[in-house]
Amino acid sequence: MKKIIVIDDDGSNLEVIGLILEHEGHQIHGFFDGTDLLKNVERIRPDLIIIDMMLNGEDGRELCKMLKIHPEFKNITVLMISIGNKEHLIADCLADGYIEKPFELETFTKLVNSFL
């Protein structure tokens, strides 16, 4: 069982992603924002982090970059997720991959599992 942190300010998205990944056998930890992100990552020790690019009052890319430059957490896989194809916007945050919303269930699970 892999541990995955999901950060999305939309409760519906958080719930759907959580249900999909739990069905795949993963342990999910969902958060609405990046408050205490480093503490949560240190406590949970996730195998993967999924961050929505546009959070309420926060830029998910900044959260990603904070993780990727942190010496202890830089090797944790981070996937960005957003509506529409904004993959070109994630290069500066050092994300390992990108998920476009809306996504097909099979495509989403294959992509996530490929990073695990």
PDB file of N, CA and C in Angstrom:
ATOM      1  N   MET A   1       0.845  -1.181   0.000  1.00  0.00           N
ATOM      2  CA  MET A   1       0.000   0.000   0.000  1.00  0.00           C
ATOM      3  C   MET A   1       0.890   1.244   0.000  1.00  0.00           C
ATOM      4  N   LYS A   2       0.649   2.122  -0.963  1.00  0.00           N
ATOM      5  CA  LYS A   2       1.404   3.367  -1.073  1.00  0.00           C
ATOM      6  C   LYS A   2       0.634   4.488  -0.391  1.00  0.00           C
ATOM      7  N   LYS A   3       1.368   5.441   0.172  1.00  0.00           N
ATOM      8  CA  LYS A   3       0.755   6.598   0.817  1.00  0.00           C
ATOM      9  C   LYS A   3       0.801   7.779  -0.150  1.00  0.00           C
ATOM     10  N   ILE A   4      -0.355   8.399  -0.340  1.00  0.00           N
ATOM     11  CA  ILE A   4      -0.471   9.506  -1.290  1.00  0.00           C
ATOM     12  C   ILE A   4      -1.127  10.695  -0.597  1.00  0.00           C
ATOM     13  N   ILE A   5      -0.517  11.864  -0.743  1.00  0.00           N
ATOM     14  CA  ILE A   5      -1.118  13.112  -0.293  1.00  0.00           C
ATOM     15  C   ILE A   5      -1.765  13.764  -1.508  1.00  0.00           C
ATOM     16  N   VAL A   6      -3.013  14.201  -1.348  1.00  0.00           N
ATOM     17  CA  VAL A   6      -3.719  14.927  -2.403  1.00  0.00           C
ATOM     18  C   VAL A   6      -4.106  16.289  -1.841  1.00  0.00           C
ATOM     19  N   ILE A   7      -3.747  17.358  -2.564  1.00  0.00           N
ATOM     20  CA  ILE A   7      -4.094  18.717  -2.151  1.00  0.00           C
ATOM     21  C   ILE A   7      -4.954  19.336  -3.240  1.00  0.00           C
ATOM     22  N   ASP A   8      -6.208  19.605  -2.887  1.00  0.00           N
ATOM     23  CA  ASP A   8      -7.154  20.211  -3.833  1.00  0.00           C
ATOM     24  C   ASP A   8      -8.180  20.979  -3.015  1.00  0.00           C
ATOM     25  N   ASP A   9      -8.426  22.240  -3.363  1.00  0.00           N
ATOM     26  CA  ASP A   9      -9.361  23.052  -2.594  1.00  0.00           C
ATOM     27  C   ASP A   9     -10.822  22.749  -2.908  1.00  0.00           C
ATOM     28  N   ASP A  10     -11.083  21.898  -3.885  1.00  0.00           N
ATOM     29  CA  ASP A  10     -12.447  21.497  -4.237  1.00  0.00           C
ATOM     30  C   ASP A  10     -12.736  20.149  -3.566  1.00  0.00           C
ATOM     31  N   GLY A  11     -13.658  20.170  -2.602  1.00  0.00           N
ATOM     32  CA  GLY A  11     -13.975  18.961  -1.854  1.00  0.00           C
ATOM     33  C   GLY A  11     -14.443  17.815  -2.725  1.00  0.00           C
ATOM     34  N   SER A  12     -15.168  18.110  -3.799  1.00  0.00           N
ATOM     35  CA  SER A  12     -15.646  17.063  -4.706  1.00  0.00           C
ATOM     36  C   SER A  12     -14.472  16.382  -5.405  1.00  0.00           C
ATOM     37  N   ASN A  13     -13.526  17.184  -5.891  1.00  0.00           N
ATOM     38  CA  ASN A  13     -12.346  16.619  -6.543  1.00  0.00           C
ATOM     39  C   ASN A  13     -11.533  15.785  -5.564  1.00  0.00           C
ATOM     40  N   LEU A  14     -11.373  16.306  -4.370  1.00  0.00           N
ATOM     41  CA  LEU A  14     -10.609  15.600  -3.341  1.00  0.00           C
ATOM     42  C   LEU A  14     -11.255  14.254  -3.026  1.00  0.00           C
ATOM     43  N   GLU A  15     -12.565  14.247  -2.924  1.00  0.00           N
ATOM     44  CA  GLU A  15     -13.286  13.013  -2.621  1.00  0.00           C
ATOM     45  C   GLU A  15     -13.172  12.000  -3.760  1.00  0.00           C
ATOM     46  N   VAL A  16     -13.378  12.454  -4.997  1.00  0.00           N
ATOM     47  CA  VAL A  16     -13.313  11.550  -6.148  1.00  0.00           C
ATOM     48  C   VAL A  16     -11.916  10.960  -6.299  1.00  0.00           C
ATOM     49  N   ILE A  17     -10.899  11.804  -6.234  1.00  0.00           N
ATOM     50  CA  ILE A  17      -9.523  11.320  -6.366  1.00  0.00           C
ATOM     51  C   ILE A  17      -9.209  10.339  -5.236  1.00  0.00           C
ATOM     52  N   GLY A  18      -9.642  10.689  -4.033  1.00  0.00           N
ATOM     53  CA  GLY A  18      -9.419   9.807  -2.890  1.00  0.00           C
ATOM     54  C   GLY A  18     -10.072   8.450  -3.070  1.00  0.00           C
ATOM     55  N   LEU A  19     -11.322   8.435  -3.528  1.00  0.00           N
ATOM     56  CA  LEU A  19     -12.034   7.169  -3.740  1.00  0.00           C
ATOM     57  C   LEU A  19     -11.355   6.318  -4.815  1.00  0.00           C
ATOM     58  N   ILE A  20     -10.943   6.963  -5.892  1.00  0.00           N
ATOM     59  CA  ILE A  20     -10.269   6.233  -6.979  1.00  0.00           C
ATOM     60  C   ILE A  20      -8.986   5.586  -6.465  1.00  0.00           C
ATOM     61  N   LEU A  21      -8.185   6.357  -5.757  1.00  0.00           N
ATOM     62  CA  LEU A  21      -6.895   5.850  -5.312  1.00  0.00           C
ATOM     63  C   LEU A  21      -7.035   4.837  -4.172  1.00  0.00           C
ATOM     64  N   GLU A  22      -8.032   5.020  -3.318  1.00  0.00           N
ATOM     65  CA  GLU A  22      -8.290   4.022  -2.275  1.00  0.00           C
ATOM     66  C   GLU A  22      -8.719   2.702  -2.909  1.00  0.00           C
ATOM     67  N   HIS A  23      -9.522   2.782  -3.956  1.00  0.00           N
ATOM     68  CA  HIS A  23      -9.952   1.582  -4.672  1.00  0.00           C
ATOM     69  C   HIS A  23      -8.748   0.841  -5.264  1.00  0.00           C
ATOM     70  N   GLU A  24      -7.708   1.587  -5.612  1.00  0.00           N
ATOM     71  CA  GLU A  24      -6.480   0.998  -6.143  1.00  0.00           C
ATOM     72  C   GLU A  24      -5.600   0.420  -5.036  1.00  0.00           C
ATOM     73  N   GLY A  25      -6.032   0.597  -3.784  1.00  0.00           N
ATOM     74  CA  GLY A  25      -5.301   0.020  -2.657  1.00  0.00           C
ATOM     75  C   GLY A  25      -4.330   0.955  -1.973  1.00  0.00           C
ATOM     76  N   HIS A  26      -4.444   2.252  -2.252  1.00  0.00           N
ATOM     77  CA  HIS A  26      -3.518   3.219  -1.664  1.00  0.00           C
ATOM     78  C   HIS A  26      -4.137   3.895  -0.444  1.00  0.00           C
ATOM     79  N   GLN A  27      -3.276   4.381   0.436  1.00  0.00           N
ATOM     80  CA  GLN A  27      -3.709   5.135   1.610  1.00  0.00           C
ATOM     81  C   GLN A  27      -3.669   6.620   1.242  1.00  0.00           C
ATOM     82  N   ILE A  28      -4.806   7.296   1.369  1.00  0.00           N
ATOM     83  CA  ILE A  28      -4.927   8.688   0.916  1.00  0.00           C
ATOM     84  C   ILE A  28      -5.016   9.642   2.098  1.00  0.00           C
ATOM     85  N   HIS A  29      -4.309  10.751   1.968  1.00  0.00           N
ATOM     86  CA  HIS A  29      -4.360  11.832   2.949  1.00  0.00           C
ATOM     87  C   HIS A  29      -4.716  13.090   2.164  1.00  0.00           C
ATOM     88  N   GLY A  30      -5.925  13.599   2.337  1.00  0.00           N
ATOM     89  CA  GLY A  30      -6.389  14.748   1.571  1.00  0.00           C
ATOM     90  C   GLY A  30      -6.348  16.035   2.363  1.00  0.00           C
ATOM     91  N   PHE A  31      -5.962  17.103   1.687  1.00  0.00           N
ATOM     92  CA  PHE A  31      -5.893  18.428   2.296  1.00  0.00           C
ATOM     93  C   PHE A  31      -6.453  19.455   1.321  1.00  0.00           C
ATOM     94  N   PHE A  32      -7.097  20.489   1.876  1.00  0.00           N
ATOM     95  CA  PHE A  32      -7.692  21.539   1.056  1.00  0.00           C
ATOM     96  C   PHE A  32      -6.695  22.630   0.672  1.00  0.00           C
ATOM     97  N   ASP A  33      -5.560  22.695   1.361  1.00  0.00           N
ATOM     98  CA  ASP A  33      -4.558  23.716   1.054  1.00  0.00           C
ATOM     99  C   ASP A  33      -3.188  23.232   1.503  1.00  0.00           C
ATOM    100  N   GLY A  34      -2.200  24.090   1.321  1.00  0.00           N
ATOM    101  CA  GLY A  34      -0.827  23.715   1.646  1.00  0.00           C
ATOM    102  C   GLY A  34      -0.388  24.076   3.052  1.00  0.00           C
ATOM    103  N   THR A  35      -1.344  24.466   3.899  1.00  0.00           N
ATOM    104  CA  THR A  35      -1.011  24.786   5.279  1.00  0.00           C
ATOM    105  C   THR A  35      -0.320  23.589   5.931  1.00  0.00           C
ATOM    106  N   ASP A  36       0.795  23.840   6.552  1.00  0.00           N
ATOM    107  CA  ASP A  36       1.571  22.791   7.242  1.00  0.00           C
ATOM    108  C   ASP A  36       2.001  21.668   6.309  1.00  0.00           C
ATOM    109  N   LEU A  37       2.218  21.979   5.033  1.00  0.00           N
ATOM    110  CA  LEU A  37       2.590  20.945   4.071  1.00  0.00           C
ATOM    111  C   LEU A  37       3.853  20.196   4.493  1.00  0.00           C
ATOM    112  N   LEU A  38       4.894  20.915   4.860  1.00  0.00           N
ATOM    113  CA  LEU A  38       6.139  20.251   5.217  1.00  0.00           C
ATOM    114  C   LEU A  38       5.970  19.367   6.451  1.00  0.00           C
ATOM    115  N   LYS A  39       5.206  19.832   7.424  1.00  0.00           N
ATOM    116  CA  LYS A  39       4.942  19.011   8.618  1.00  0.00           C
ATOM    117  C   LYS A  39       4.156  17.759   8.248  1.00  0.00           C
ATOM    118  N   ASN A  40       3.168  17.919   7.381  1.00  0.00           N
ATOM    119  CA  ASN A  40       2.361  16.770   6.958  1.00  0.00           C
ATOM    120  C   ASN A  40       3.190  15.760   6.173  1.00  0.00           C
ATOM    121  N   VAL A  41       4.060  16.250   5.304  1.00  0.00           N
ATOM    122  CA  VAL A  41       4.912  15.354   4.526  1.00  0.00           C
ATOM    123  C   VAL A  41       5.880  14.621   5.458  1.00  0.00           C
ATOM    124  N   GLU A  42       6.424  15.336   6.416  1.00  0.00           N
ATOM    125  CA  GLU A  42       7.337  14.701   7.374  1.00  0.00           C
ATOM    126  C   GLU A  42       6.613  13.631   8.192  1.00  0.00           C
ATOM    127  N   ARG A  43       5.382  13.907   8.589  1.00  0.00           N
ATOM    128  CA  ARG A  43       4.600  12.970   9.409  1.00  0.00           C
ATOM    129  C   ARG A  43       4.135  11.756   8.605  1.00  0.00           C
ATOM    130  N   ILE A  44       3.642  11.992   7.395  1.00  0.00           N
ATOM    131  CA  ILE A  44       3.036  10.927   6.588  1.00  0.00           C
ATOM    132  C   ILE A  44       4.072  10.135   5.801  1.00  0.00           C
ATOM    133  N   ARG A  45       5.112  10.804   5.330  1.00  0.00           N
ATOM    134  CA  ARG A  45       6.134  10.179   4.476  1.00  0.00           C
ATOM    135  C   ARG A  45       5.491   9.545   3.235  1.00  0.00           C
ATOM    136  N   PRO A  46       4.855  10.377   2.403  1.00  0.00           N
ATOM    137  CA  PRO A  46       4.130   9.843   1.239  1.00  0.00           C
ATOM    138  C   PRO A  46       5.065   9.333   0.150  1.00  0.00           C
ATOM    139  N   ASP A  47       4.530   8.439  -0.653  1.00  0.00           N
ATOM    140  CA  ASP A  47       5.241   7.951  -1.826  1.00  0.00           C
ATOM    141  C   ASP A  47       4.985   8.862  -3.022  1.00  0.00           C
ATOM    142  N   LEU A  48       3.876   9.605  -2.965  1.00  0.00           N
ATOM    143  CA  LEU A  48       3.445  10.453  -4.072  1.00  0.00           C
ATOM    144  C   LEU A  48       2.608  11.594  -3.525  1.00  0.00           C
ATOM    145  N   ILE A  49       2.728  12.767  -4.162  1.00  0.00           N
ATOM    146  CA  ILE A  49       1.905  13.919  -3.797  1.00  0.00           C
ATOM    147  C   ILE A  49       1.263  14.451  -5.073  1.00  0.00           C
ATOM    148  N   ILE A  50      -0.052  14.658  -5.012  1.00  0.00           N
ATOM    149  CA  ILE A  50      -0.799  15.246  -6.127  1.00  0.00           C
ATOM    150  C   ILE A  50      -1.282  16.617  -5.663  1.00  0.00           C
ATOM    151  N   ILE A  51      -0.930  17.661  -6.414  1.00  0.00           N
ATOM    152  CA  ILE A  51      -1.282  19.029  -6.027  1.00  0.00           C
ATOM    153  C   ILE A  51      -2.048  19.707  -7.156  1.00  0.00           C
ATOM    154  N   ASP A  52      -3.212  20.266  -6.825  1.00  0.00           N
ATOM    155  CA  ASP A  52      -3.956  21.067  -7.792  1.00  0.00           C
ATOM    156  C   ASP A  52      -3.168  22.354  -8.043  1.00  0.00           C
ATOM    157  N   MET A  53      -3.068  22.741  -9.292  1.00  0.00           N
ATOM    158  CA  MET A  53      -2.279  23.911  -9.647  1.00  0.00           C
ATOM    159  C   MET A  53      -2.886  25.197  -9.080  1.00  0.00           C
ATOM    160  N   MET A  54      -4.194  25.311  -9.145  1.00  0.00           N
ATOM    161  CA  MET A  54      -4.845  26.539  -8.710  1.00  0.00           C
ATOM    162  C   MET A  54      -5.642  26.264  -7.432  1.00  0.00           C
ATOM    163  N   LEU A  55      -5.052  26.616  -6.312  1.00  0.00           N
ATOM    164  CA  LEU A  55      -5.705  26.474  -5.025  1.00  0.00           C
ATOM    165  C   LEU A  55      -6.257  27.827  -4.593  1.00  0.00           C
ATOM    166  N   ASN A  56      -7.216  27.822  -3.722  1.00  0.00           N
ATOM    167  CA  ASN A  56      -7.813  29.055  -3.233  1.00  0.00           C
ATOM    168  C   ASN A  56      -6.770  29.869  -2.464  1.00  0.00           C
ATOM    169  N   GLY A  57      -6.259  30.921  -3.082  1.00  0.00           N
ATOM    170  CA  GLY A  57      -5.289  31.791  -2.436  1.00  0.00           C
ATOM    171  C   GLY A  57      -3.856  31.292  -2.499  1.00  0.00           C
ATOM    172  N   GLU A  58      -3.620  30.153  -3.135  1.00  0.00           N
ATOM    173  CA  GLU A  58      -2.269  29.612  -3.243  1.00  0.00           C
ATOM    174  C   GLU A  58      -2.022  29.129  -4.665  1.00  0.00           C
ATOM    175  N   ASP A  59      -0.772  29.123  -5.034  1.00  0.00           N
ATOM    176  CA  ASP A  59      -0.360  28.562  -6.317  1.00  0.00           C
ATOM    177  C   ASP A  59       0.264  27.201  -6.014  1.00  0.00           C
ATOM    178  N   GLY A  60      -0.371  26.147  -6.493  1.00  0.00           N
ATOM    179  CA  GLY A  60       0.124  24.800  -6.245  1.00  0.00           C
ATOM    180  C   GLY A  60       1.542  24.589  -6.732  1.00  0.00           C
ATOM    181  N   ARG A  61       1.929  25.338  -7.758  1.00  0.00           N
ATOM    182  CA  ARG A  61       3.295  25.227  -8.275  1.00  0.00           C
ATOM    183  C   ARG A  61       4.320  25.674  -7.245  1.00  0.00           C
ATOM    184  N   GLU A  62       3.959  26.665  -6.435  1.00  0.00           N
ATOM    185  CA  GLU A  62       4.876  27.117  -5.378  1.00  0.00           C
ATOM    186  C   GLU A  62       5.033  26.035  -4.312  1.00  0.00           C
ATOM    187  N   LEU A  63       3.948  25.336  -4.000  1.00  0.00           N
ATOM    188  CA  LEU A  63       4.035  24.224  -3.046  1.00  0.00           C
ATOM    189  C   LEU A  63       4.940  23.126  -3.594  1.00  0.00           C
ATOM    190  N   CYS A  64       4.766  22.821  -4.873  1.00  0.00           N
ATOM    191  CA  CYS A  64       5.595  21.809  -5.521  1.00  0.00           C
ATOM    192  C   CYS A  64       7.063  22.200  -5.467  1.00  0.00           C
ATOM    193  N   LYS A  65       7.355  23.423  -5.819  1.00  0.00           N
ATOM    194  CA  LYS A  65       8.743  23.887  -5.841  1.00  0.00           C
ATOM    195  C   LYS A  65       9.348  23.844  -4.437  1.00  0.00           C
ATOM    196  N   MET A  66       8.552  24.211  -3.430  1.00  0.00           N
ATOM    197  CA  MET A  66       9.030  24.163  -2.055  1.00  0.00           C
ATOM    198  C   MET A  66       9.450  22.735  -1.681  1.00  0.00           C
ATOM    199  N   LEU A  67       8.660  21.756  -2.114  1.00  0.00           N
ATOM    200  CA  LEU A  67       8.992  20.357  -1.837  1.00  0.00           C
ATOM    201  C   LEU A  67      10.233  19.918  -2.610  1.00  0.00           C
ATOM    202  N   LYS A  68      10.293  20.294  -3.875  1.00  0.00           N
ATOM    203  CA  LYS A  68      11.367  19.827  -4.740  1.00  0.00           C
ATOM    204  C   LYS A  68      12.731  20.436  -4.422  1.00  0.00           C
ATOM    205  N   ILE A  69      12.766  21.572  -3.751  1.00  0.00           N
ATOM    206  CA  ILE A  69      14.058  22.139  -3.360  1.00  0.00           C
ATOM    207  C   ILE A  69      14.423  21.781  -1.915  1.00  0.00           C
ATOM    208  N   HIS A  70      13.514  21.131  -1.211  1.00  0.00           N
ATOM    209  CA  HIS A  70      13.768  20.723   0.167  1.00  0.00           C
ATOM    210  C   HIS A  70      14.664  19.478   0.154  1.00  0.00           C
ATOM    211  N   PRO A  71      15.798  19.515   0.842  1.00  0.00           N
ATOM    212  CA  PRO A  71      16.735  18.391   0.782  1.00  0.00           C
ATOM    213  C   PRO A  71      16.134  17.039   1.199  1.00  0.00           C
ATOM    214  N   GLU A  72      15.228  17.062   2.159  1.00  0.00           N
ATOM    215  CA  GLU A  72      14.660  15.814   2.666  1.00  0.00           C
ATOM    216  C   GLU A  72      13.522  15.280   1.793  1.00  0.00           C
ATOM    217  N   PHE A  73      12.845  16.153   1.070  1.00  0.00           N
ATOM    218  CA  PHE A  73      11.647  15.747   0.336  1.00  0.00           C
ATOM    219  C   PHE A  73      11.777  15.811  -1.180  1.00  0.00           C
ATOM    220  N   LYS A  74      12.908  16.227  -1.693  1.00  0.00           N
ATOM    221  CA  LYS A  74      13.063  16.471  -3.123  1.00  0.00           C
ATOM    222  C   LYS A  74      12.860  15.227  -3.990  1.00  0.00           C
ATOM    223  N   ASN A  75      13.014  14.045  -3.423  1.00  0.00           N
ATOM    224  CA  ASN A  75      12.857  12.818  -4.207  1.00  0.00           C
ATOM    225  C   ASN A  75      11.446  12.247  -4.186  1.00  0.00           C
ATOM    226  N   ILE A  76      10.542  12.890  -3.467  1.00  0.00           N
ATOM    227  CA  ILE A  76       9.145  12.450  -3.476  1.00  0.00           C
ATOM    228  C   ILE A  76       8.517  12.885  -4.798  1.00  0.00           C
ATOM    229  N   THR A  77       7.846  11.962  -5.461  1.00  0.00           N
ATOM    230  CA  THR A  77       7.207  12.267  -6.736  1.00  0.00           C
ATOM    231  C   THR A  77       6.037  13.220  -6.515  1.00  0.00           C
ATOM    232  N   VAL A  78       5.996  14.293  -7.308  1.00  0.00           N
ATOM    233  CA  VAL A  78       4.912  15.274  -7.241  1.00  0.00           C
ATOM    234  C   VAL A  78       4.274  15.388  -8.621  1.00  0.00           C
ATOM    235  N   LEU A  79       2.961  15.197  -8.648  1.00  0.00           N
ATOM    236  CA  LEU A  79       2.192  15.384  -9.876  1.00  0.00           C
ATOM    237  C   LEU A  79       1.303  16.609  -9.709  1.00  0.00           C
ATOM    238  N   MET A  80       1.295  17.463 -10.696  1.00  0.00           N
ATOM    239  CA  MET A  80       0.395  18.616 -10.700  1.00  0.00           C
ATOM    240  C   MET A  80      -0.873  18.210 -11.434  1.00  0.00           C
ATOM    241  N   ILE A  81      -1.993  18.804 -11.029  1.00  0.00           N
ATOM    242  CA  ILE A  81      -3.274  18.509 -11.668  1.00  0.00           C
ATOM    243  C   ILE A  81      -4.008  19.835 -11.890  1.00  0.00           C
ATOM    244  N   SER A  82      -4.630  19.979 -13.068  1.00  0.00           N
ATOM    245  CA  SER A  82      -5.346  21.214 -13.358  1.00  0.00           C
ATOM    246  C   SER A  82      -6.310  21.002 -14.519  1.00  0.00           C
ATOM    247  N   ILE A  83      -7.262  21.911 -14.624  1.00  0.00           N
ATOM    248  CA  ILE A  83      -8.218  21.883 -15.726  1.00  0.00           C
ATOM    249  C   ILE A  83      -7.508  22.364 -16.983  1.00  0.00           C
ATOM    250  N   GLY A  84      -7.685  21.628 -18.057  1.00  0.00           N
ATOM    251  CA  GLY A  84      -7.082  22.013 -19.327  1.00  0.00           C
ATOM    252  C   GLY A  84      -5.613  21.650 -19.374  1.00  0.00           C
ATOM    253  N   ASN A  85      -5.036  21.763 -20.530  1.00  0.00           N
ATOM    254  CA  ASN A  85      -3.636  21.394 -20.696  1.00  0.00           C
ATOM    255  C   ASN A  85      -2.740  22.564 -20.314  1.00  0.00           C
ATOM    256  N   LYS A  86      -2.198  22.501 -19.122  1.00  0.00           N
ATOM    257  CA  LYS A  86      -1.286  23.537 -18.640  1.00  0.00           C
ATOM    258  C   LYS A  86       0.076  22.941 -18.322  1.00  0.00           C
ATOM    259  N   GLU A  87       0.371  21.826 -18.972  1.00  0.00           N
ATOM    260  CA  GLU A  87       1.628  21.118 -18.699  1.00  0.00           C
ATOM    261  C   GLU A  87       2.839  22.031 -18.890  1.00  0.00           C
ATOM    262  N   HIS A  88       2.747  22.954 -19.847  1.00  0.00           N
ATOM    263  CA  HIS A  88       3.855  23.874 -20.103  1.00  0.00           C
ATOM    264  C   HIS A  88       4.126  24.808 -18.918  1.00  0.00           C
ATOM    265  N   LEU A  89       3.178  24.930 -18.001  1.00  0.00           N
ATOM    266  CA  LEU A  89       3.333  25.828 -16.857  1.00  0.00           C
ATOM    267  C   LEU A  89       4.003  25.174 -15.658  1.00  0.00           C
ATOM    268  N   ILE A  90       4.293  23.870 -15.741  1.00  0.00           N
ATOM    269  CA  ILE A  90       4.825  23.192 -14.557  1.00  0.00           C
ATOM    270  C   ILE A  90       6.338  23.002 -14.573  1.00  0.00           C
ATOM    271  N   ALA A  91       6.984  23.312 -15.673  1.00  0.00           N
ATOM    272  CA  ALA A  91       8.429  23.076 -15.760  1.00  0.00           C
ATOM    273  C   ALA A  91       9.193  23.812 -14.661  1.00  0.00           C
ATOM    274  N   ASP A  92       8.781  25.035 -14.349  1.00  0.00           N
ATOM    275  CA  ASP A  92       9.506  25.829 -13.359  1.00  0.00           C
ATOM    276  C   ASP A  92       9.333  25.325 -11.934  1.00  0.00           C
ATOM    277  N   CYS A  93       8.331  24.494 -11.673  1.00  0.00           N
ATOM    278  CA  CYS A  93       8.109  24.017 -10.305  1.00  0.00           C
ATOM    279  C   CYS A  93       8.730  22.647 -10.069  1.00  0.00           C
ATOM    280  N   LEU A  94       9.349  22.078 -11.090  1.00  0.00           N
ATOM    281  CA  LEU A  94      10.083  20.818 -10.984  1.00  0.00           C
ATOM    282  C   LEU A  94       9.193  19.598 -10.754  1.00  0.00           C
ATOM    283  N   ALA A  95       7.914  19.694 -11.115  1.00  0.00           N
ATOM    284  CA  ALA A  95       6.989  18.566 -10.954  1.00  0.00           C
ATOM    285  C   ALA A  95       7.448  17.387 -11.803  1.00  0.00           C
ATOM    286  N   ASP A  96       7.099  16.198 -11.344  1.00  0.00           N
ATOM    287  CA  ASP A  96       7.476  14.980 -12.061  1.00  0.00           C
ATOM    288  C   ASP A  96       6.493  14.631 -13.169  1.00  0.00           C
ATOM    289  N   GLY A  97       5.278  15.202 -13.103  1.00  0.00           N
ATOM    290  CA  GLY A  97       4.284  14.897 -14.117  1.00  0.00           C
ATOM    291  C   GLY A  97       3.075  15.789 -13.982  1.00  0.00           C
ATOM    292  N   TYR A  98       2.134  15.594 -14.897  1.00  0.00           N
ATOM    293  CA  TYR A  98       0.952  16.458 -14.986  1.00  0.00           C
ATOM    294  C   TYR A  98      -0.278  15.619 -15.314  1.00  0.00           C
ATOM    295  N   ILE A  99      -1.383  15.927 -14.646  1.00  0.00           N
ATOM    296  CA  ILE A  99      -2.665  15.280 -14.905  1.00  0.00           C
ATOM    297  C   ILE A  99      -3.652  16.365 -15.322  1.00  0.00           C
ATOM    298  N   GLU A 100      -4.272  16.175 -16.466  1.00  0.00           N
ATOM    299  CA  GLU A 100      -5.248  17.150 -16.961  1.00  0.00           C
ATOM    300  C   GLU A 100      -6.654  16.752 -16.524  1.00  0.00           C
ATOM    301  N   LYS A 101      -7.384  17.724 -15.925  1.00  0.00           N
ATOM    302  CA  LYS A 101      -8.793  17.510 -15.571  1.00  0.00           C
ATOM    303  C   LYS A 101      -9.649  18.069 -16.690  1.00  0.00           C
ATOM    304  N   PRO A 102     -10.753  17.478 -17.023  1.00  0.00           N
ATOM    305  CA  PRO A 102     -11.229  16.198 -16.483  1.00  0.00           C
ATOM    306  C   PRO A 102     -10.400  15.047 -17.059  1.00  0.00           C
ATOM    307  N   PHE A 103     -10.314  13.980 -16.303  1.00  0.00           N
ATOM    308  CA  PHE A 103      -9.521  12.841 -16.732  1.00  0.00           C
ATOM    309  C   PHE A 103     -10.386  11.586 -16.813  1.00  0.00           C
ATOM    310  N   GLU A 104      -9.946  10.681 -17.651  1.00  0.00           N
ATOM    311  CA  GLU A 104     -10.593   9.371 -17.741  1.00  0.00           C
ATOM    312  C   GLU A 104     -10.057   8.525 -16.593  1.00  0.00           C
ATOM    313  N   LEU A 105     -10.920   7.761 -15.968  1.00  0.00           N
ATOM    314  CA  LEU A 105     -10.552   6.954 -14.811  1.00  0.00           C
ATOM    315  C   LEU A 105      -9.350   6.058 -15.095  1.00  0.00           C
ATOM    316  N   GLU A 106      -9.390   5.334 -16.188  1.00  0.00           N
ATOM    317  CA  GLU A 106      -8.314   4.403 -16.522  1.00  0.00           C
ATOM    318  C   GLU A 106      -7.003   5.137 -16.785  1.00  0.00           C
ATOM    319  N   THR A 107      -7.072   6.250 -17.487  1.00  0.00           N
ATOM    320  CA  THR A 107      -5.879   7.039 -17.786  1.00  0.00           C
ATOM    321  C   THR A 107      -5.262   7.568 -16.494  1.00  0.00           C
ATOM    322  N   PHE A 108      -6.110   8.062 -15.603  1.00  0.00           N
ATOM    323  CA  PHE A 108      -5.651   8.603 -14.319  1.00  0.00           C
ATOM    324  C   PHE A 108      -4.948   7.531 -13.489  1.00  0.00           C
ATOM    325  N   THR A 109      -5.588   6.381 -13.336  1.00  0.00           N
ATOM    326  CA  THR A 109      -4.999   5.333 -12.495  1.00  0.00           C
ATOM    327  C   THR A 109      -3.703   4.792 -13.101  1.00  0.00           C
ATOM    328  N   LYS A 110      -3.670   4.647 -14.417  1.00  0.00           N
ATOM    329  CA  LYS A 110      -2.432   4.176 -15.054  1.00  0.00           C
ATOM    330  C   LYS A 110      -1.295   5.167 -14.845  1.00  0.00           C
ATOM    331  N   LEU A 111      -1.585   6.452 -14.992  1.00  0.00           N
ATOM    332  CA  LEU A 111      -0.556   7.464 -14.822  1.00  0.00           C
ATOM    333  C   LEU A 111      -0.038   7.479 -13.374  1.00  0.00           C
ATOM    334  N   VAL A 112      -0.961   7.509 -12.426  1.00  0.00           N
ATOM    335  CA  VAL A 112      -0.549   7.532 -11.023  1.00  0.00           C
ATOM    336  C   VAL A 112       0.260   6.283 -10.689  1.00  0.00           C
ATOM    337  N   ASN A 113      -0.229   5.139 -11.082  1.00  0.00           N
ATOM    338  CA  ASN A 113       0.473   3.881 -10.774  1.00  0.00           C
ATOM    339  C   ASN A 113       1.833   3.814 -11.454  1.00  0.00           C
ATOM    340  N   SER A 114       1.978   4.454 -12.616  1.00  0.00           N
ATOM    341  CA  SER A 114       3.279   4.443 -13.293  1.00  0.00           C
ATOM    342  C   SER A 114       4.327   5.210 -12.502  1.00  0.00           C
ATOM    343  N   PHE A 115       3.910   6.174 -11.693  1.00  0.00           N
ATOM    344  CA  PHE A 115       4.851   6.950 -10.877  1.00  0.00           C
ATOM    345  C   PHE A 115       5.119   6.279  -9.537  1.00  0.00           C
ATOM    346  N   LEU A 116       4.308   5.290  -9.189  1.00  0.00           N
ATOM    347  CA  LEU A 116       4.519   4.581  -7.932  1.00  0.00           C
ATOM    348  C   LEU A 116       5.403   3.390  -8.166  1.00  0.00           C
TER     349      LEU A 116
END
